[in-house]
Amino acid sequence: MIKVAEKQLSWFALLLAAFYS
């Protein structure tokens, strides 16, 4: 369960990075 949350957090961070770059 923690690995799934970590993956979602990583995906969300990538999305934010792409949005703000």
Protein backbone atom coordinates (compact mmCIF):
# COMPACT_ATOMS: atom_id res chain seq x y z
CA MET A 1 0.00 0.00 0.00
CA ILE A 2 2.85 2.38 0.82
CA LYS A 3 4.49 1.63 -2.53
CA VAL A 4 1.30 2.55 -4.37
CA ALA A 5 1.05 5.87 -2.51
CA GLU A 6 4.72 6.53 -3.23
CA LYS A 7 4.10 5.92 -6.92
CA GLN A 8 1.10 8.28 -6.94
CA LEU A 9 3.10 10.94 -5.10
CA SER A 10 5.92 10.59 -7.63
CA TRP A 11 3.44 10.91 -10.52
CA PHE A 12 1.86 13.95 -8.93
CA ALA A 13 5.27 15.56 -8.40
CA LEU A 14 6.10 14.97 -12.07
CA LEU A 15 2.81 16.53 -13.10
CA LEU A 16 3.47 19.60 -10.94
CA ALA A 17 7.01 19.92 -12.29
CA ALA A 18 5.73 19.79 -15.86
CA PHE A 19 3.00 22.30 -15.08
CA TYR A 20 5.31 24.84 -13.42
CA SER A 21 8.32 24.50 -15.71
